[in-house]
Amino acid sequence: MGKTKGPYKAEFEIGTSVQIADREFLENFLREWKFHHKLQPEQLDYHGQVADVGKVGIYHGGDELYDLIGIPGIWHECCLKAYTPVL
């Protein structure tokens, strides 16, 4: 939560392109995360995909939650990284 901007401040603004973590990371997160907005098993199929942030929410305690355009589910900040296209 709040990797660079601190709690209660979105790491990725609406419209930002992000890439979803690899499958191994998502599987571990699915097993280990015990709190709110658990990752759903069907979200694993979206590993590595790139999408734009459609909505940002902040859970009590500062956890950033993201809706991605065209990809179902709620995504935790740690499951995403900024996407920079290779030219």
Protein backbone atom coordinates (compact mmCIF):
# COMPACT_ATOMS: atom_id res chain seq x y z
CA MET A 1 0.00 0.00 0.00
CA GLY A 2 1.28 3.41 -0.93
CA LYS A 3 4.54 2.20 -2.50
CA THR A 4 5.78 5.64 -3.46
CA LYS A 5 3.04 8.16 -2.73
CA GLY A 6 2.08 7.00 0.75
CA PRO A 7 -1.25 5.81 2.15
CA TYR A 8 -4.52 7.25 0.87
CA LYS A 9 -2.91 8.47 -2.37
CA ALA A 10 -3.44 6.46 -5.54
CA GLU A 11 -0.27 4.94 -6.93
CA PHE A 12 -1.93 4.76 -10.36
CA GLU A 13 -4.25 7.56 -11.54
CA ILE A 14 -7.37 6.92 -13.64
CA GLY A 15 -6.30 6.33 -17.23
CA THR A 16 -2.84 5.02 -16.30
CA SER A 17 -1.74 1.85 -18.10
CA VAL A 18 -0.80 -0.92 -15.69
CA GLN A 19 0.35 -4.50 -16.05
CA ILE A 20 -1.03 -7.25 -13.86
CA ALA A 21 1.53 -9.31 -11.93
CA ASP A 22 2.67 -12.72 -13.12
CA ARG A 23 0.65 -15.83 -12.31
CA GLU A 24 2.98 -17.04 -9.57
CA PHE A 25 2.60 -13.76 -7.67
CA LEU A 26 -1.19 -13.83 -8.08
CA GLU A 27 -1.42 -17.43 -6.89
CA ASN A 28 0.60 -16.56 -3.79
CA PHE A 29 -1.53 -13.48 -3.12
CA LEU A 30 -4.70 -15.56 -3.50
CA ARG A 31 -3.38 -18.03 -0.88
CA GLU A 32 -1.90 -15.54 1.57
CA TRP A 33 -4.24 -12.50 1.59
CA LYS A 34 -6.70 -12.87 4.48
CA PHE A 35 -8.41 -9.48 4.55
CA HIS A 36 -10.84 -7.48 2.39
CA HIS A 37 -11.40 -7.83 -1.36
CA LYS A 38 -9.77 -11.20 -1.84
CA LEU A 39 -8.54 -12.06 -5.29
CA GLN A 40 -10.94 -14.40 -7.07
CA PRO A 41 -9.58 -17.57 -8.74
CA GLU A 42 -10.81 -16.44 -12.17
CA GLN A 43 -8.60 -13.34 -11.91
CA LEU A 44 -5.50 -15.54 -12.22
CA ASP A 45 -6.18 -15.89 -15.95
CA TYR A 46 -5.42 -12.18 -16.44
CA HIS A 47 -1.78 -12.42 -15.30
CA GLY A 48 0.59 -10.25 -17.31
CA GLN A 49 -2.16 -8.40 -19.14
CA VAL A 50 -2.10 -4.65 -19.64
CA ALA A 51 -5.12 -2.43 -18.99
CA ASP A 52 -5.99 1.14 -18.09
CA VAL A 53 -7.19 2.10 -14.63
CA GLY A 54 -10.92 2.89 -14.74
CA LYS A 55 -11.60 3.59 -11.06
CA VAL A 56 -9.57 3.95 -7.89
CA GLY A 57 -10.79 3.27 -4.37
CA ILE A 58 -9.02 3.49 -1.04
CA TYR A 59 -9.98 0.98 1.64
CA HIS A 60 -9.93 2.02 5.29
CA GLY A 61 -6.31 1.69 6.35
CA GLY A 62 -4.99 3.01 3.05
CA ASP A 63 -5.13 -0.04 0.77
CA GLU A 64 -5.54 1.06 -2.83
CA LEU A 65 -8.05 -0.88 -4.93
CA TYR A 66 -8.37 -0.61 -8.69
CA ASP A 67 -10.96 -1.39 -11.34
CA LEU A 68 -9.33 -2.02 -14.70
CA ILE A 69 -11.06 -1.27 -17.98
CA GLY A 70 -12.01 -4.52 -19.73
CA ILE A 71 -10.71 -6.79 -16.96
CA PRO A 72 -13.05 -8.06 -14.24
CA GLY A 73 -12.44 -7.94 -10.52
CA ILE A 74 -10.97 -5.62 -7.96
CA TRP A 75 -7.18 -5.38 -8.03
CA HIS A 76 -4.89 -4.53 -5.13
CA GLU A 77 -2.02 -2.14 -5.75
CA CYS A 78 0.58 -4.84 -5.10
CA CYS A 79 -0.85 -6.92 -7.96
CA LEU A 80 -0.13 -4.15 -10.48
CA LYS A 81 2.84 -2.27 -11.83
CA ALA A 82 3.18 0.74 -14.11
CA TYR A 83 3.30 -0.31 -17.75
CA THR A 84 5.85 1.18 -20.07
CA PRO A 85 5.56 -0.02 -23.64
CA VAL A 86 8.73 -1.27 -25.30
CA LEU A 87 9.46 0.77 -28.41
